Amino acid sequence: MIQRLQSVFLLLASSFCFGLFGTDAADSETKLNDSALFQDGSFNVFDDPVLIGIFALAGVIFLADIFLFRNRPLQMKLSMLAVVLTLAGTGYGVFRFYNDMGAKLAGAVTPDVGIAFPILILVFGILARNFIKKDEKLVRSADRLR
């Protein structure tokens, strides 16, 4: 059952979670010494240990969720937990970004590719949950026929 479509979505969500560790969410042209996030010229998950923990945990949950195909109710719950963690991490990252001095400087900060990754994680996580739910309904309807 690893070849199911929801397994592909879970793998993609996990890949994008771990992909956040290799990309930046925003860049600045110069290093901003008065900014907590842009002292190195970029904003990524390594700027805050909370972001590292949240997105690493969400990625591990999505990855482990692939192999729980025999327990679909648990698989649905864990995928929703990973989606909620991703929402929390995204919200915390946005909060940190807008409370930083570097983001308040007009034109100094430009968005980067990594800003789209949390959105893709949410899309693939929700799609996976919907397909898991669809499989559970199919199994339950087949059980009623027996």
C-alpha atoms as a PDB file:
ATOM      1  CA  MET A   1       0.000   0.000   0.000  1.00  0.00           C
ATOM      2  CA  ILE A   2       3.024   2.250  -0.128  1.00  0.00           C
ATOM      3  CA  GLN A   3       2.289   2.850  -3.820  1.00  0.00           C
ATOM      4  CA  ARG A   4      -0.922   4.757  -3.047  1.00  0.00           C
ATOM      5  CA  LEU A   5      -1.317   8.360  -4.143  1.00  0.00           C
ATOM      6  CA  GLN A   6      -1.394   9.644  -0.561  1.00  0.00           C
ATOM      7  CA  SER A   7       2.076   8.174  -0.059  1.00  0.00           C
ATOM      8  CA  VAL A   8       3.336  10.367  -2.890  1.00  0.00           C
ATOM      9  CA  PHE A   9       1.710  13.413  -1.294  1.00  0.00           C
ATOM     10  CA  LEU A  10       3.192  12.547   2.106  1.00  0.00           C
ATOM     11  CA  LEU A  11       6.624  12.110   0.527  1.00  0.00           C
ATOM     12  CA  LEU A  12       6.323  15.472  -1.232  1.00  0.00           C
ATOM     13  CA  ALA A  13       5.224  17.192   1.988  1.00  0.00           C
ATOM     14  CA  SER A  14       8.150  15.641   3.837  1.00  0.00           C
ATOM     15  CA  SER A  15      10.548  16.640   1.060  1.00  0.00           C
ATOM     16  CA  PHE A  16       9.413  20.243   1.186  1.00  0.00           C
ATOM     17  CA  CYS A  17       9.737  20.238   4.999  1.00  0.00           C
ATOM     18  CA  PHE A  18      13.324  19.103   4.714  1.00  0.00           C
ATOM     19  CA  GLY A  19      13.830  21.369   1.696  1.00  0.00           C
ATOM     20  CA  LEU A  20      13.285  24.352   3.965  1.00  0.00           C
ATOM     21  CA  PHE A  21      16.643  23.555   5.536  1.00  0.00           C
ATOM     22  CA  GLY A  22      18.388  24.205   2.215  1.00  0.00           C
ATOM     23  CA  THR A  23      16.615  27.338   1.021  1.00  0.00           C
ATOM     24  CA  ASP A  24      16.078  30.869   2.236  1.00  0.00           C
ATOM     25  CA  ALA A  25      12.701  32.506   2.788  1.00  0.00           C
ATOM     26  CA  ALA A  26      14.025  36.039   2.281  1.00  0.00           C
ATOM     27  CA  ASP A  27      17.308  37.718   1.408  1.00  0.00           C
ATOM     28  CA  SER A  28      18.773  41.125   2.023  1.00  0.00           C
ATOM     29  CA  GLU A  29      21.278  42.803  -0.241  1.00  0.00           C
ATOM     30  CA  THR A  30      23.603  43.548   2.635  1.00  0.00           C
ATOM     31  CA  LYS A  31      24.140  42.141   6.085  1.00  0.00           C
ATOM     32  CA  LEU A  32      21.966  44.032   8.548  1.00  0.00           C
ATOM     33  CA  ASN A  33      23.742  44.266  11.890  1.00  0.00           C
ATOM     34  CA  ASP A  34      20.739  45.675  13.763  1.00  0.00           C
ATOM     35  CA  SER A  35      18.525  42.796  12.625  1.00  0.00           C
ATOM     36  CA  ALA A  36      18.304  39.495  14.490  1.00  0.00           C
ATOM     37  CA  LEU A  37      17.280  37.530  11.384  1.00  0.00           C
ATOM     38  CA  PHE A  38      19.277  39.182   8.618  1.00  0.00           C
ATOM     39  CA  GLN A  39      22.699  39.425  10.238  1.00  0.00           C
ATOM     40  CA  ASP A  40      23.932  36.864   7.726  1.00  0.00           C
ATOM     41  CA  GLY A  41      21.951  38.393   4.846  1.00  0.00           C
ATOM     42  CA  SER A  42      19.211  35.741   4.684  1.00  0.00           C
ATOM     43  CA  PHE A  43      16.229  34.492   6.663  1.00  0.00           C
ATOM     44  CA  ASN A  44      15.929  30.711   6.890  1.00  0.00           C
ATOM     45  CA  VAL A  45      14.874  28.126   9.454  1.00  0.00           C
ATOM     46  CA  PHE A  46      18.348  28.100  10.996  1.00  0.00           C
ATOM     47  CA  ASP A  47      17.728  31.602  12.370  1.00  0.00           C
ATOM     48  CA  ASP A  48      15.486  30.247  15.126  1.00  0.00           C
ATOM     49  CA  PRO A  49      15.678  26.924  17.017  1.00  0.00           C
ATOM     50  CA  VAL A  50      11.879  26.810  17.291  1.00  0.00           C
ATOM     51  CA  LEU A  51      11.578  26.827  13.490  1.00  0.00           C
ATOM     52  CA  ILE A  52      14.182  24.077  13.223  1.00  0.00           C
ATOM     53  CA  GLY A  53      12.270  21.899  15.696  1.00  0.00           C
ATOM     54  CA  ILE A  54       8.825  22.490  14.230  1.00  0.00           C
ATOM     55  CA  PHE A  55       9.713  21.830  10.597  1.00  0.00           C
ATOM     56  CA  ALA A  56      12.009  18.890  11.406  1.00  0.00           C
ATOM     57  CA  LEU A  57       9.250  17.288  13.492  1.00  0.00           C
ATOM     58  CA  ALA A  58       6.645  17.890  10.777  1.00  0.00           C
ATOM     59  CA  GLY A  59       8.963  16.367   8.156  1.00  0.00           C
ATOM     60  CA  VAL A  60       9.631  13.288  10.281  1.00  0.00           C
ATOM     61  CA  ILE A  61       5.903  12.840  10.953  1.00  0.00           C
ATOM     62  CA  PHE A  62       5.070  13.087   7.242  1.00  0.00           C
ATOM     63  CA  LEU A  63       7.826  10.605   6.429  1.00  0.00           C
ATOM     64  CA  ALA A  64       6.815   8.117   9.139  1.00  0.00           C
ATOM     65  CA  ASP A  65       3.186   8.524   8.121  1.00  0.00           C
ATOM     66  CA  ILE A  66       3.926   6.839   4.791  1.00  0.00           C
ATOM     67  CA  PHE A  67       4.555   3.527   6.525  1.00  0.00           C
ATOM     68  CA  LEU A  68       1.400   3.592   8.676  1.00  0.00           C
ATOM     69  CA  PHE A  69      -0.833   2.506   5.785  1.00  0.00           C
ATOM     70  CA  ARG A  70      -2.343  -0.332   7.820  1.00  0.00           C
ATOM     71  CA  ASN A  71      -3.674   2.032  10.475  1.00  0.00           C
ATOM     72  CA  ARG A  72      -5.488   4.680   8.451  1.00  0.00           C
ATOM     73  CA  PRO A  73      -7.188   6.472  11.402  1.00  0.00           C
ATOM     74  CA  LEU A  74      -3.784   7.021  13.024  1.00  0.00           C
ATOM     75  CA  GLN A  75      -2.373   8.037   9.655  1.00  0.00           C
ATOM     76  CA  MET A  76      -5.099  10.699   9.282  1.00  0.00           C
ATOM     77  CA  LYS A  77      -4.485  12.044  12.784  1.00  0.00           C
ATOM     78  CA  LEU A  78      -0.739  12.231  12.332  1.00  0.00           C
ATOM     79  CA  SER A  79      -1.024  13.933   8.961  1.00  0.00           C
ATOM     80  CA  MET A  80      -3.306  16.556  10.499  1.00  0.00           C
ATOM     81  CA  LEU A  81      -0.838  16.979  13.381  1.00  0.00           C
ATOM     82  CA  ALA A  82       1.946  17.619  10.867  1.00  0.00           C
ATOM     83  CA  VAL A  83      -0.275  20.121   9.011  1.00  0.00           C
ATOM     84  CA  VAL A  84      -1.022  21.934  12.279  1.00  0.00           C
ATOM     85  CA  LEU A  85       2.704  21.971  13.112  1.00  0.00           C
ATOM     86  CA  THR A  86       3.402  23.443   9.687  1.00  0.00           C
ATOM     87  CA  LEU A  87       0.751  26.116  10.241  1.00  0.00           C
ATOM     88  CA  ALA A  88       2.254  26.928  13.634  1.00  0.00           C
ATOM     89  CA  GLY A  89       5.768  27.097  12.185  1.00  0.00           C
ATOM     90  CA  THR A  90       4.630  29.300   9.334  1.00  0.00           C
ATOM     91  CA  GLY A  91       2.770  31.608  11.679  1.00  0.00           C
ATOM     92  CA  TYR A  92       5.756  31.826  14.015  1.00  0.00           C
ATOM     93  CA  GLY A  93       8.092  32.520  11.096  1.00  0.00           C
ATOM     94  CA  VAL A  94       5.835  35.291   9.791  1.00  0.00           C
ATOM     95  CA  PHE A  95       5.601  36.739  13.300  1.00  0.00           C
ATOM     96  CA  ARG A  96       9.385  36.730  13.669  1.00  0.00           C
ATOM     97  CA  PHE A  97       9.814  38.259  10.208  1.00  0.00           C
ATOM     98  CA  TYR A  98       7.430  41.160  10.777  1.00  0.00           C
ATOM     99  CA  ASN A  99       8.801  41.918  14.240  1.00  0.00           C
ATOM    100  CA  ASP A 100      12.366  42.071  12.958  1.00  0.00           C
ATOM    101  CA  MET A 101      14.069  45.372  12.239  1.00  0.00           C
ATOM    102  CA  GLY A 102      15.339  44.161   8.843  1.00  0.00           C
ATOM    103  CA  ALA A 103      11.835  43.613   7.505  1.00  0.00           C
ATOM    104  CA  LYS A 104      10.858  47.163   8.411  1.00  0.00           C
ATOM    105  CA  LEU A 105      13.508  48.661   6.153  1.00  0.00           C
ATOM    106  CA  ALA A 106      11.833  49.439   2.842  1.00  0.00           C
ATOM    107  CA  GLY A 107      13.419  47.649  -0.105  1.00  0.00           C
ATOM    108  CA  ALA A 108      16.167  45.994   1.931  1.00  0.00           C
ATOM    109  CA  VAL A 109      14.573  42.532   2.012  1.00  0.00           C
ATOM    110  CA  THR A 110      13.330  40.493  -0.969  1.00  0.00           C
ATOM    111  CA  PRO A 111      11.422  37.182  -0.809  1.00  0.00           C
ATOM    112  CA  ASP A 112      13.118  33.993  -1.972  1.00  0.00           C
ATOM    113  CA  VAL A 113      12.036  30.526  -3.171  1.00  0.00           C
ATOM    114  CA  GLY A 114      11.673  29.098   0.343  1.00  0.00           C
ATOM    115  CA  ILE A 115       8.690  31.317   1.060  1.00  0.00           C
ATOM    116  CA  ALA A 116       6.482  29.023  -1.062  1.00  0.00           C
ATOM    117  CA  PHE A 117       7.538  25.789   0.667  1.00  0.00           C
ATOM    118  CA  PRO A 118       5.198  26.051   3.699  1.00  0.00           C
ATOM    119  CA  ILE A 119       2.255  26.596   1.344  1.00  0.00           C
ATOM    120  CA  LEU A 120       3.218  23.516  -0.668  1.00  0.00           C
ATOM    121  CA  ILE A 121       3.627  21.503   2.541  1.00  0.00           C
ATOM    122  CA  LEU A 122       0.104  22.473   3.595  1.00  0.00           C
ATOM    123  CA  VAL A 123      -1.366  21.644   0.179  1.00  0.00           C
ATOM    124  CA  PHE A 124       0.284  18.224  -0.019  1.00  0.00           C
ATOM    125  CA  GLY A 125      -0.487  17.429   3.632  1.00  0.00           C
ATOM    126  CA  ILE A 126      -4.183  18.218   3.190  1.00  0.00           C
ATOM    127  CA  LEU A 127      -4.338  16.304  -0.098  1.00  0.00           C
ATOM    128  CA  ALA A 128      -2.752  13.278   1.582  1.00  0.00           C
ATOM    129  CA  ARG A 129      -5.269  13.422   4.417  1.00  0.00           C
ATOM    130  CA  ASN A 130      -8.168  13.604   1.953  1.00  0.00           C
ATOM    131  CA  PHE A 131      -6.917  10.566   0.037  1.00  0.00           C
ATOM    132  CA  ILE A 132      -6.367   8.637   3.280  1.00  0.00           C
ATOM    133  CA  LYS A 133      -9.937   9.466   4.274  1.00  0.00           C
ATOM    134  CA  LYS A 134     -11.161   8.326   0.868  1.00  0.00           C
ATOM    135  CA  ASP A 135      -9.348   4.985   1.295  1.00  0.00           C
ATOM    136  CA  GLU A 136     -10.839   4.543   4.761  1.00  0.00           C
ATOM    137  CA  LYS A 137     -14.339   5.100   3.368  1.00  0.00           C
ATOM    138  CA  LEU A 138     -13.672   2.564   0.619  1.00  0.00           C
ATOM    139  CA  VAL A 139     -12.498  -0.057   3.104  1.00  0.00           C
ATOM    140  CA  ARG A 140     -15.470   0.562   5.402  1.00  0.00           C
ATOM    141  CA  SER A 141     -17.939   0.238   2.522  1.00  0.00           C
ATOM    142  CA  ALA A 142     -16.295  -3.018   1.453  1.00  0.00           C
ATOM    143  CA  ASP A 143     -16.578  -4.302   5.028  1.00  0.00           C
ATOM    144  CA  ARG A 144     -20.303  -3.622   5.006  1.00  0.00           C
ATOM    145  CA  LEU A 145     -20.752  -5.741   1.881  1.00  0.00           C
ATOM    146  CA  ARG A 146     -19.223  -8.813   3.517  1.00  0.00           C
END
